[in-house]
Amino acid sequence: MDTLTRIRAFIDVVDAEGFSAAARRVGRSKALLSKYVRELEDELGALLLNRTTRQFSLTEAGHTYYRTASDILKEIDNLADLVRANNSDLRGRLRITAPRTFIDAEIGQSFVDFSVAHPELSLDIVAEDRFVDLVEEGFDVAIRITKLEDSTLIARKLDDFQLLFCASPSFLEKHGPLDHPSALARVPCIIDTNGRNHGNWRFAETDGSTFSVAISGPLEVNSPLACLRAAVAGLGVSICPDFIARSKIASGELVTLFDDYLTKDRGIYAIYPHRRYLPAKVRTFVDFLHAWFRRHR
């Protein structure tokens, strides 16, 4: 029996948190999996699992071996996917996390269009506004709408992105004119609590320097769509992602403010873990999104 099979058995047992659960998951007997793990331990000359009649736990050596072996197997599987992609259709499951606003907005159609174009791939999409740990939580790709920061992850920019400051015409008639961002300190604002510094809104000067304005208001909510609706209702000034605000601006329901002070350091990115052999399904998905945004600008 080859070492790779023994390694897979060990990882299956750890992932399933038990021999019985692993046996059910992979369709092999509990005795066979136990045999493979025992042979792996004999080969290594180290105990990987502490076994009792009811449960098991990883030894220190087991923890170290599991982390490294998992990465090695992923690389092997990714390399196999890469080779298969040149000879056959893509197949399998792609696990994606994206902000709720992205999924609910018109640009969320990009996921649907990808599924239509690649019915052989199954998409598992999780709407999540927080920044998930792709490796720890088992995601293949994340869509992030953000200012890109240094990371061990790989990022590909899909499109430009702008946060717009918006208010309704009726609100501006009552509280205007608002000629400079500093005026926000004296008027009601709608606060999206998804922002890292949601109590302070950041602006850019023409020389590239930035400044912030402390704001407050009648509504705080972790939903850009709710903030948009509140702004349309005249409750205050709101920060709105451009891809959900465009239609309201075009219809005249909202007016943009401080366009000369907008920061330009954000974008829509596809993020994925750094791997030597990028899975073909991930590469195909990211390439599709990049082309989709080029067509729909």
C-alpha atoms as a PDB file:
ATOM      1  CA  MET A   1       0.000   0.000   0.000  1.00  0.00           C
ATOM      2  CA  ASP A   2       1.454   3.408  -0.974  1.00  0.00           C
ATOM      3  CA  THR A   3       2.132   6.204   1.491  1.00  0.00           C
ATOM      4  CA  LEU A   4      -0.277   8.602  -0.232  1.00  0.00           C
ATOM      5  CA  THR A   5      -3.225   6.291   0.490  1.00  0.00           C
ATOM      6  CA  ARG A   6      -2.213   6.081   4.143  1.00  0.00           C
ATOM      7  CA  ILE A   7      -1.918   9.866   4.356  1.00  0.00           C
ATOM      8  CA  ARG A   8      -5.389  10.298   2.829  1.00  0.00           C
ATOM      9  CA  ALA A   9      -6.811   7.846   5.362  1.00  0.00           C
ATOM     10  CA  PHE A  10      -5.232   9.761   8.245  1.00  0.00           C
ATOM     11  CA  ILE A  11      -6.574  13.107   6.978  1.00  0.00           C
ATOM     12  CA  ASP A  12     -10.034  11.620   6.372  1.00  0.00           C
ATOM     13  CA  VAL A  13     -10.141  10.379   9.977  1.00  0.00           C
ATOM     14  CA  VAL A  14      -9.046  13.719  11.419  1.00  0.00           C
ATOM     15  CA  ASP A  15     -11.450  15.720   9.225  1.00  0.00           C
ATOM     16  CA  ALA A  16     -14.358  13.444  10.156  1.00  0.00           C
ATOM     17  CA  GLU A  17     -13.324  13.483  13.835  1.00  0.00           C
ATOM     18  CA  GLY A  18     -13.404   9.719  14.116  1.00  0.00           C
ATOM     19  CA  PHE A  19     -12.836   6.409  12.366  1.00  0.00           C
ATOM     20  CA  SER A  20     -16.532   5.496  12.143  1.00  0.00           C
ATOM     21  CA  ALA A  21     -17.552   8.857  10.688  1.00  0.00           C
ATOM     22  CA  ALA A  22     -14.649   8.751   8.236  1.00  0.00           C
ATOM     23  CA  ALA A  23     -15.590   5.223   7.153  1.00  0.00           C
ATOM     24  CA  ARG A  24     -19.142   6.349   6.380  1.00  0.00           C
ATOM     25  CA  ARG A  25     -17.913   9.428   4.536  1.00  0.00           C
ATOM     26  CA  VAL A  26     -15.360   7.737   2.262  1.00  0.00           C
ATOM     27  CA  GLY A  27     -17.072   4.357   1.889  1.00  0.00           C
ATOM     28  CA  ARG A  28     -14.347   2.250   3.458  1.00  0.00           C
ATOM     29  CA  SER A  29     -14.437   0.067   6.544  1.00  0.00           C
ATOM     30  CA  LYS A  30     -13.408   1.394   9.929  1.00  0.00           C
ATOM     31  CA  ALA A  31     -10.945  -1.484  10.255  1.00  0.00           C
ATOM     32  CA  LEU A  32      -9.269  -0.632   6.950  1.00  0.00           C
ATOM     33  CA  LEU A  33      -8.842   3.036   7.861  1.00  0.00           C
ATOM     34  CA  SER A  34      -7.444   2.050  11.241  1.00  0.00           C
ATOM     35  CA  LYS A  35      -4.979  -0.265   9.491  1.00  0.00           C
ATOM     36  CA  TYR A  36      -3.818   2.491   7.132  1.00  0.00           C
ATOM     37  CA  VAL A  37      -3.291   4.970   9.972  1.00  0.00           C
ATOM     38  CA  ARG A  38      -1.400   2.402  12.030  1.00  0.00           C
ATOM     39  CA  GLU A  39       0.840   1.598   9.041  1.00  0.00           C
ATOM     40  CA  LEU A  40       1.508   5.325   8.550  1.00  0.00           C
ATOM     41  CA  GLU A  41       2.535   5.642  12.192  1.00  0.00           C
ATOM     42  CA  ASP A  42       4.815   2.608  11.843  1.00  0.00           C
ATOM     43  CA  GLU A  43       6.370   4.115   8.729  1.00  0.00           C
ATOM     44  CA  LEU A  44       6.991   7.437  10.498  1.00  0.00           C
ATOM     45  CA  GLY A  45       8.032   5.894  13.782  1.00  0.00           C
ATOM     46  CA  ALA A  46       5.726   8.300  15.625  1.00  0.00           C
ATOM     47  CA  LEU A  47       2.290   8.174  17.227  1.00  0.00           C
ATOM     48  CA  LEU A  48      -0.138  10.497  15.400  1.00  0.00           C
ATOM     49  CA  LEU A  49      -3.367   9.716  17.270  1.00  0.00           C
ATOM     50  CA  ASN A  50      -4.128   9.021  20.908  1.00  0.00           C
ATOM     51  CA  ARG A  51      -6.887   6.403  20.780  1.00  0.00           C
ATOM     52  CA  THR A  52      -9.428   5.429  23.418  1.00  0.00           C
ATOM     53  CA  THR A  53     -12.507   3.248  23.131  1.00  0.00           C
ATOM     54  CA  ARG A  54     -14.745   6.289  22.629  1.00  0.00           C
ATOM     55  CA  GLN A  55     -12.627   8.973  21.001  1.00  0.00           C
ATOM     56  CA  PHE A  56      -9.200  10.003  19.789  1.00  0.00           C
ATOM     57  CA  SER A  57      -7.028  13.091  19.895  1.00  0.00           C
ATOM     58  CA  LEU A  58      -4.086  14.274  17.849  1.00  0.00           C
ATOM     59  CA  THR A  59      -0.641  14.051  19.371  1.00  0.00           C
ATOM     60  CA  GLU A  60       1.746  16.969  18.964  1.00  0.00           C
ATOM     61  CA  ALA A  61       3.381  15.095  16.090  1.00  0.00           C
ATOM     62  CA  GLY A  62      -0.091  14.422  14.676  1.00  0.00           C
ATOM     63  CA  HIS A  63      -0.949  18.135  14.649  1.00  0.00           C
ATOM     64  CA  THR A  64       2.269  18.975  12.808  1.00  0.00           C
ATOM     65  CA  TYR A  65       1.892  16.137  10.328  1.00  0.00           C
ATOM     66  CA  TYR A  66      -1.788  16.914   9.639  1.00  0.00           C
ATOM     67  CA  ARG A  67      -1.152  20.561   8.736  1.00  0.00           C
ATOM     68  CA  THR A  68       1.694  19.823   6.352  1.00  0.00           C
ATOM     69  CA  ALA A  69       0.179  16.679   4.844  1.00  0.00           C
ATOM     70  CA  SER A  70      -3.101  18.506   4.155  1.00  0.00           C
ATOM     71  CA  ASP A  71      -1.247  21.188   2.200  1.00  0.00           C
ATOM     72  CA  ILE A  72       0.688  18.569   0.226  1.00  0.00           C
ATOM     73  CA  LEU A  73      -2.475  16.680  -0.716  1.00  0.00           C
ATOM     74  CA  LYS A  74      -4.160  19.903  -1.839  1.00  0.00           C
ATOM     75  CA  GLU A  75      -1.211  20.629  -4.111  1.00  0.00           C
ATOM     76  CA  ILE A  76      -1.379  17.108  -5.548  1.00  0.00           C
ATOM     77  CA  ASP A  77      -5.131  17.398  -6.147  1.00  0.00           C
ATOM     78  CA  ASN A  78      -4.738  20.862  -7.661  1.00  0.00           C
ATOM     79  CA  LEU A  79      -2.032  19.599  -9.998  1.00  0.00           C
ATOM     80  CA  ALA A  80      -4.314  16.775 -11.080  1.00  0.00           C
ATOM     81  CA  ASP A  81      -7.104  19.301 -11.736  1.00  0.00           C
ATOM     82  CA  LEU A  82      -4.705  21.384 -13.792  1.00  0.00           C
ATOM     83  CA  VAL A  83      -3.811  18.428 -15.988  1.00  0.00           C
ATOM     84  CA  ARG A  84      -7.414  17.299 -16.351  1.00  0.00           C
ATOM     85  CA  ALA A  85      -8.461  20.815 -17.373  1.00  0.00           C
ATOM     86  CA  ASN A  86      -6.391  20.463 -20.517  1.00  0.00           C
ATOM     87  CA  ASN A  87      -8.030  17.188 -21.443  1.00  0.00           C
ATOM     88  CA  SER A  88     -11.621  17.225 -20.179  1.00  0.00           C
ATOM     89  CA  ASP A  89     -14.454  19.334 -18.828  1.00  0.00           C
ATOM     90  CA  LEU A  90     -14.180  20.907 -15.398  1.00  0.00           C
ATOM     91  CA  ARG A  91     -16.069  19.108 -12.676  1.00  0.00           C
ATOM     92  CA  GLY A  92     -16.518  19.355  -8.952  1.00  0.00           C
ATOM     93  CA  ARG A  93     -17.581  21.874  -6.338  1.00  0.00           C
ATOM     94  CA  LEU A  94     -16.460  25.479  -5.895  1.00  0.00           C
ATOM     95  CA  ARG A  95     -16.984  27.073  -2.471  1.00  0.00           C
ATOM     96  CA  ILE A  96     -17.279  30.863  -2.605  1.00  0.00           C
ATOM     97  CA  THR A  97     -17.854  33.576  -0.019  1.00  0.00           C
ATOM     98  CA  ALA A  98     -19.062  37.047  -0.996  1.00  0.00           C
ATOM     99  CA  PRO A  99     -20.697  40.052   0.699  1.00  0.00           C
ATOM    100  CA  ARG A 100     -24.478  39.962   0.827  1.00  0.00           C
ATOM    101  CA  THR A 101     -24.653  43.272  -1.013  1.00  0.00           C
ATOM    102  CA  PHE A 102     -22.636  41.879  -3.925  1.00  0.00           C
ATOM    103  CA  ILE A 103     -24.884  38.840  -4.213  1.00  0.00           C
ATOM    104  CA  ASP A 104     -28.117  40.846  -3.943  1.00  0.00           C
ATOM    105  CA  ALA A 105     -27.028  43.579  -6.374  1.00  0.00           C
ATOM    106  CA  GLU A 106     -27.086  43.377 -10.170  1.00  0.00           C
ATOM    107  CA  ILE A 107     -23.428  42.309 -10.231  1.00  0.00           C
ATOM    108  CA  GLY A 108     -24.456  39.144  -8.392  1.00  0.00           C
ATOM    109  CA  GLN A 109     -25.744  38.038 -11.789  1.00  0.00           C
ATOM    110  CA  SER A 110     -22.113  37.183 -12.579  1.00  0.00           C
ATOM    111  CA  PHE A 111     -22.406  34.068 -10.390  1.00  0.00           C
ATOM    112  CA  VAL A 112     -25.577  32.978 -12.168  1.00  0.00           C
ATOM    113  CA  ASP A 113     -23.996  33.540 -15.576  1.00  0.00           C
ATOM    114  CA  PHE A 114     -20.992  31.448 -14.560  1.00  0.00           C
ATOM    115  CA  SER A 115     -23.273  28.582 -13.515  1.00  0.00           C
ATOM    116  CA  VAL A 116     -25.043  28.751 -16.854  1.00  0.00           C
ATOM    117  CA  ALA A 117     -21.721  28.665 -18.705  1.00  0.00           C
ATOM    118  CA  HIS A 118     -20.273  25.856 -16.536  1.00  0.00           C
ATOM    119  CA  PRO A 119     -23.113  23.555 -15.442  1.00  0.00           C
ATOM    120  CA  GLU A 120     -20.564  20.828 -14.680  1.00  0.00           C
ATOM    121  CA  LEU A 121     -19.292  22.865 -11.691  1.00  0.00           C
ATOM    122  CA  SER A 122     -21.396  23.112  -8.547  1.00  0.00           C
ATOM    123  CA  LEU A 123     -21.257  26.471  -6.750  1.00  0.00           C
ATOM    124  CA  ASP A 124     -21.595  26.640  -2.968  1.00  0.00           C
ATOM    125  CA  ILE A 125     -22.051  30.378  -2.309  1.00  0.00           C
ATOM    126  CA  VAL A 126     -22.069  31.735   1.240  1.00  0.00           C
ATOM    127  CA  ALA A 127     -23.237  35.330   1.784  1.00  0.00           C
ATOM    128  CA  GLU A 128     -20.969  36.673   4.500  1.00  0.00           C
ATOM    129  CA  ASP A 129     -20.134  40.309   5.270  1.00  0.00           C
ATOM    130  CA  ARG A 130     -17.215  39.527   7.587  1.00  0.00           C
ATOM    131  CA  PHE A 131     -13.732  38.715   6.298  1.00  0.00           C
ATOM    132  CA  VAL A 132     -13.594  34.926   6.478  1.00  0.00           C
ATOM    133  CA  ASP A 133     -10.413  32.893   6.795  1.00  0.00           C
ATOM    134  CA  LEU A 134     -10.364  31.082   3.460  1.00  0.00           C
ATOM    135  CA  VAL A 135      -7.950  28.370   4.522  1.00  0.00           C
ATOM    136  CA  GLU A 136      -9.408  27.666   7.953  1.00  0.00           C
ATOM    137  CA  GLU A 137     -13.023  27.718   6.742  1.00  0.00           C
ATOM    138  CA  GLY A 138     -12.457  25.800   3.532  1.00  0.00           C
ATOM    139  CA  PHE A 139     -13.343  28.387   0.874  1.00  0.00           C
ATOM    140  CA  ASP A 140     -11.838  28.303  -2.603  1.00  0.00           C
ATOM    141  CA  VAL A 141     -12.486  31.957  -3.458  1.00  0.00           C
ATOM    142  CA  ALA A 142     -13.652  35.111  -1.680  1.00  0.00           C
ATOM    143  CA  ILE A 143     -15.083  38.227  -3.299  1.00  0.00           C
ATOM    144  CA  ARG A 144     -14.037  41.284  -1.334  1.00  0.00           C
ATOM    145  CA  ILE A 145     -15.014  44.905  -1.830  1.00  0.00           C
ATOM    146  CA  THR A 146     -12.325  46.746  -0.006  1.00  0.00           C
ATOM    147  CA  LYS A 147      -9.075  48.642   0.149  1.00  0.00           C
ATOM    148  CA  LEU A 148      -6.521  45.964  -0.652  1.00  0.00           C
ATOM    149  CA  GLU A 149      -3.984  45.362   2.092  1.00  0.00           C
ATOM    150  CA  ASP A 150      -0.902  43.173   2.288  1.00  0.00           C
ATOM    151  CA  SER A 151      -1.839  39.538   2.604  1.00  0.00           C
ATOM    152  CA  THR A 152      -0.558  36.013   2.165  1.00  0.00           C
ATOM    153  CA  LEU A 153      -3.531  35.540  -0.180  1.00  0.00           C
ATOM    154  CA  ILE A 154      -3.587  36.176  -3.922  1.00  0.00           C
ATOM    155  CA  ALA A 155      -5.842  38.966  -5.190  1.00  0.00           C
ATOM    156  CA  ARG A 156      -7.060  39.740  -8.689  1.00  0.00           C
ATOM    157  CA  LYS A 157      -8.890  42.986  -9.275  1.00  0.00           C
ATOM    158  CA  LEU A 158     -12.222  42.510 -11.012  1.00  0.00           C
ATOM    159  CA  ASP A 159     -13.385  46.105 -11.201  1.00  0.00           C
ATOM    160  CA  ASP A 160     -13.041  49.570  -9.752  1.00  0.00           C
ATOM    161  CA  PHE A 161     -15.250  50.382  -6.819  1.00  0.00           C
ATOM    162  CA  GLN A 162     -16.330  53.645  -5.266  1.00  0.00           C
ATOM    163  CA  LEU A 163     -18.151  54.562  -2.093  1.00  0.00           C
ATOM    164  CA  LEU A 164     -20.475  57.463  -2.866  1.00  0.00           C
ATOM    165  CA  PHE A 165     -21.864  59.980  -0.395  1.00  0.00           C
ATOM    166  CA  CYS A 166     -25.559  60.372  -1.149  1.00  0.00           C
ATOM    167  CA  ALA A 167     -28.618  62.216   0.097  1.00  0.00           C
ATOM    168  CA  SER A 168     -32.118  62.823  -1.171  1.00  0.00           C
ATOM    169  CA  PRO A 169     -33.085  66.165  -2.778  1.00  0.00           C
ATOM    170  CA  SER A 170     -35.606  66.771   0.031  1.00  0.00           C
ATOM    171  CA  PHE A 171     -32.908  66.279   2.669  1.00  0.00           C
ATOM    172  CA  LEU A 172     -30.615  68.741   0.923  1.00  0.00           C
ATOM    173  CA  GLU A 173     -33.384  71.321   0.686  1.00  0.00           C
ATOM    174  CA  LYS A 174     -33.773  71.098   4.459  1.00  0.00           C
ATOM    175  CA  HIS A 175     -30.122  70.787   5.539  1.00  0.00           C
ATOM    176  CA  GLY A 176     -28.080  72.131   2.612  1.00  0.00           C
ATOM    177  CA  PRO A 177     -26.025  73.353   1.109  1.00  0.00           C
ATOM    178  CA  LEU A 178     -23.273  70.888   2.032  1.00  0.00           C
ATOM    179  CA  ASP A 179     -20.211  72.308   0.305  1.00  0.00           C
ATOM    180  CA  HIS A 180     -17.461  70.507   2.228  1.00  0.00           C
ATOM    181  CA  PRO A 181     -17.278  67.138   4.036  1.00  0.00           C
ATOM    182  CA  SER A 182     -16.769  68.946   7.349  1.00  0.00           C
ATOM    183  CA  ALA A 183     -20.455  69.925   7.119  1.00  0.00           C
ATOM    184  CA  LEU A 184     -21.375  66.295   7.863  1.00  0.00           C
ATOM    185  CA  ALA A 185     -20.541  66.843  11.524  1.00  0.00           C
ATOM    186  CA  ARG A 186     -23.680  68.988  11.888  1.00  0.00           C
ATOM    187  CA  VAL A 187     -26.234  66.941   9.879  1.00  0.00           C
ATOM    188  CA  PRO A 188     -27.845  63.492  10.372  1.00  0.00           C
ATOM    189  CA  CYS A 189     -25.977  60.592   8.737  1.00  0.00           C
ATOM    190  CA  ILE A 190     -26.957  56.998   8.059  1.00  0.00           C
ATOM    191  CA  ILE A 191     -24.233  54.698   9.360  1.00  0.00           C
ATOM    192  CA  ASP A 192     -23.356  51.355   7.802  1.00  0.00           C
ATOM    193  CA  THR A 193     -21.728  49.451  10.679  1.00  0.00           C
ATOM    194  CA  ASN A 194     -19.971  47.079   8.274  1.00  0.00           C
ATOM    195  CA  GLY A 195     -17.297  49.737   7.897  1.00  0.00           C
ATOM    196  CA  ARG A 196     -14.214  49.373  10.063  1.00  0.00           C
ATOM    197  CA  ASN A 197     -14.357  53.043  11.149  1.00  0.00           C
ATOM    198  CA  HIS A 198     -18.056  53.567  10.680  1.00  0.00           C
ATOM    199  CA  GLY A 199     -18.219  56.537  13.066  1.00  0.00           C
ATOM    200  CA  ASN A 200     -15.650  58.433  11.017  1.00  0.00           C
ATOM    201  CA  TRP A 201     -15.929  58.910   7.278  1.00  0.00           C
ATOM    202  CA  ARG A 202     -12.700  59.288   5.313  1.00  0.00           C
ATOM    203  CA  PHE A 203     -12.063  61.750   2.492  1.00  0.00           C
ATOM    204  CA  ALA A 204      -9.159  62.611   0.187  1.00  0.00           C
ATOM    205  CA  GLU A 205      -7.663  66.012  -0.585  1.00  0.00           C
ATOM    206  CA  THR A 206      -6.433  66.887  -4.057  1.00  0.00           C
ATOM    207  CA  ASP A 207      -2.822  66.490  -2.886  1.00  0.00           C
ATOM    208  CA  GLY A 208      -3.447  62.872  -1.929  1.00  0.00           C
ATOM    209  CA  SER A 209      -3.652  63.393   1.823  1.00  0.00           C
ATOM    210  CA  THR A 210      -6.712  62.148   3.693  1.00  0.00           C
ATOM    211  CA  PHE A 211      -8.853  63.434   6.532  1.00  0.00           C
ATOM    212  CA  SER A 212     -11.857  62.092   8.416  1.00  0.00           C
ATOM    213  CA  VAL A 213     -15.067  63.573   9.748  1.00  0.00           C
ATOM    214  CA  ALA A 214     -16.842  62.237  12.837  1.00  0.00           C
ATOM    215  CA  ILE A 215     -20.508  61.626  12.065  1.00  0.00           C
ATOM    216  CA  SER A 216     -23.664  60.534  13.877  1.00  0.00           C
ATOM    217  CA  GLY A 217     -27.294  60.007  13.003  1.00  0.00           C
ATOM    218  CA  PRO A 218     -30.657  58.384  13.574  1.00  0.00           C
ATOM    219  CA  LEU A 219     -29.911  54.962  12.073  1.00  0.00           C
ATOM    220  CA  GLU A 220     -27.060  52.465  12.320  1.00  0.00           C
ATOM    221  CA  VAL A 221     -27.387  49.198  10.438  1.00  0.00           C
ATOM    222  CA  ASN A 222     -25.057  46.576   8.964  1.00  0.00           C
ATOM    223  CA  SER A 223     -26.668  46.688   5.542  1.00  0.00           C
ATOM    224  CA  PRO A 224     -25.737  48.978   2.625  1.00  0.00           C
ATOM    225  CA  LEU A 225     -29.157  48.355   1.058  1.00  0.00           C
ATOM    226  CA  ALA A 226     -30.916  49.513   4.230  1.00  0.00           C
ATOM    227  CA  CYS A 227     -28.701  52.611   4.283  1.00  0.00           C
ATOM    228  CA  LEU A 228     -29.627  53.295   0.668  1.00  0.00           C
ATOM    229  CA  ARG A 229     -33.337  53.079   1.442  1.00  0.00           C
ATOM    230  CA  ALA A 230     -32.914  55.354   4.457  1.00  0.00           C
ATOM    231  CA  ALA A 231     -31.119  57.940   2.333  1.00  0.00           C
ATOM    232  CA  VAL A 232     -33.889  57.838  -0.278  1.00  0.00           C
ATOM    233  CA  ALA A 233     -36.403  58.375   2.540  1.00  0.00           C
ATOM    234  CA  GLY A 234     -34.584  61.557   3.552  1.00  0.00           C
ATOM    235  CA  LEU A 235     -33.246  60.362   6.919  1.00  0.00           C
ATOM    236  CA  GLY A 236     -29.710  61.564   6.285  1.00  0.00           C
ATOM    237  CA  VAL A 237     -26.531  61.374   4.263  1.00  0.00           C
ATOM    238  CA  SER A 238     -25.341  57.849   3.577  1.00  0.00           C
ATOM    239  CA  ILE A 239     -22.321  56.082   2.160  1.00  0.00           C
ATOM    240  CA  CYS A 240     -23.529  53.861  -0.680  1.00  0.00           C
ATOM    241  CA  PRO A 241     -21.587  51.416  -2.871  1.00  0.00           C
ATOM    242  CA  ASP A 242     -21.709  52.719  -6.424  1.00  0.00           C
ATOM    243  CA  PHE A 243     -23.107  49.489  -7.856  1.00  0.00           C
ATOM    244  CA  ILE A 244     -26.286  49.744  -5.753  1.00  0.00           C
ATOM    245  CA  ALA A 245     -26.648  53.538  -5.866  1.00  0.00           C
ATOM    246  CA  ARG A 246     -26.415  54.135  -9.620  1.00  0.00           C
ATOM    247  CA  SER A 247     -30.089  53.522 -10.390  1.00  0.00           C
ATOM    248  CA  LYS A 248     -31.265  55.828  -7.594  1.00  0.00           C
ATOM    249  CA  ILE A 249     -28.880  58.546  -8.741  1.00  0.00           C
ATOM    250  CA  ALA A 250     -30.006  58.165 -12.355  1.00  0.00           C
ATOM    251  CA  SER A 251     -33.663  58.452 -11.322  1.00  0.00           C
ATOM    252  CA  GLY A 252     -32.993  61.592  -9.270  1.00  0.00           C
ATOM    253  CA  GLU A 253     -33.979  59.974  -5.964  1.00  0.00           C
ATOM    254  CA  LEU A 254     -30.440  60.517  -4.675  1.00  0.00           C
ATOM    255  CA  VAL A 255     -27.809  63.186  -5.249  1.00  0.00           C
ATOM    256  CA  THR A 256     -24.080  62.559  -4.794  1.00  0.00           C
ATOM    257  CA  LEU A 257     -22.002  64.813  -2.561  1.00  0.00           C
ATOM    258  CA  PHE A 258     -18.301  65.646  -2.243  1.00  0.00           C
ATOM    259  CA  ASP A 259     -17.311  63.923  -5.482  1.00  0.00           C
ATOM    260  CA  ASP A 260     -14.003  65.843  -5.483  1.00  0.00           C
ATOM    261  CA  TYR A 261     -13.097  64.352  -2.091  1.00  0.00           C
ATOM    262  CA  LEU A 262     -13.637  60.661  -2.783  1.00  0.00           C
ATOM    263  CA  THR A 263     -10.857  58.215  -1.945  1.00  0.00           C
ATOM    264  CA  LYS A 264      -9.811  56.008  -4.854  1.00  0.00           C
ATOM    265  CA  ASP A 265      -8.082  53.109  -3.118  1.00  0.00           C
ATOM    266  CA  ARG A 266     -10.841  50.493  -3.222  1.00  0.00           C
ATOM    267  CA  GLY A 267     -11.793  47.798  -5.661  1.00  0.00           C
ATOM    268  CA  ILE A 268     -13.704  44.551  -6.143  1.00  0.00           C
ATOM    269  CA  TYR A 269     -11.286  41.649  -5.823  1.00  0.00           C
ATOM    270  CA  ALA A 270     -11.297  37.895  -6.161  1.00  0.00           C
ATOM    271  CA  ILE A 271      -9.139  36.499  -3.345  1.00  0.00           C
ATOM    272  CA  TYR A 272      -7.803  32.971  -3.138  1.00  0.00           C
ATOM    273  CA  PRO A 273      -5.101  31.143  -1.169  1.00  0.00           C
ATOM    274  CA  HIS A 274      -1.566  31.079  -2.487  1.00  0.00           C
ATOM    275  CA  ARG A 275      -0.922  27.671  -4.016  1.00  0.00           C
ATOM    276  CA  ARG A 276       1.768  26.460  -6.321  1.00  0.00           C
ATOM    277  CA  TYR A 277      -0.795  24.731  -8.522  1.00  0.00           C
ATOM    278  CA  LEU A 278      -3.929  26.846  -8.738  1.00  0.00           C
ATOM    279  CA  PRO A 279      -7.007  24.624  -9.132  1.00  0.00           C
ATOM    280  CA  ALA A 280      -8.363  24.830 -12.659  1.00  0.00           C
ATOM    281  CA  LYS A 281     -11.879  25.485 -11.336  1.00  0.00           C
ATOM    282  CA  VAL A 282     -10.648  28.530  -9.383  1.00  0.00           C
ATOM    283  CA  ARG A 283      -8.711  29.892 -12.341  1.00  0.00           C
ATOM    284  CA  THR A 284     -11.704  29.406 -14.648  1.00  0.00           C
ATOM    285  CA  PHE A 285     -14.060  31.117 -12.192  1.00  0.00           C
ATOM    286  CA  VAL A 286     -11.819  34.134 -11.629  1.00  0.00           C
ATOM    287  CA  ASP A 287     -11.107  34.510 -15.357  1.00  0.00           C
ATOM    288  CA  PHE A 288     -14.853  34.413 -16.041  1.00  0.00           C
ATOM    289  CA  LEU A 289     -15.601  37.125 -13.458  1.00  0.00           C
ATOM    290  CA  HIS A 290     -12.805  39.327 -14.770  1.00  0.00           C
ATOM    291  CA  ALA A 291     -14.207  39.088 -18.317  1.00  0.00           C
ATOM    292  CA  TRP A 292     -17.791  39.544 -17.044  1.00  0.00           C
ATOM    293  CA  PHE A 293     -16.954  42.857 -15.385  1.00  0.00           C
ATOM    294  CA  ARG A 294     -15.144  44.062 -18.519  1.00  0.00           C
ATOM    295  CA  ARG A 295     -18.331  43.418 -20.537  1.00  0.00           C
ATOM    296  CA  HIS A 296     -20.706  45.029 -18.042  1.00  0.00           C
ATOM    297  CA  ARG A 297     -18.884  48.262 -17.291  1.00  0.00           C
END
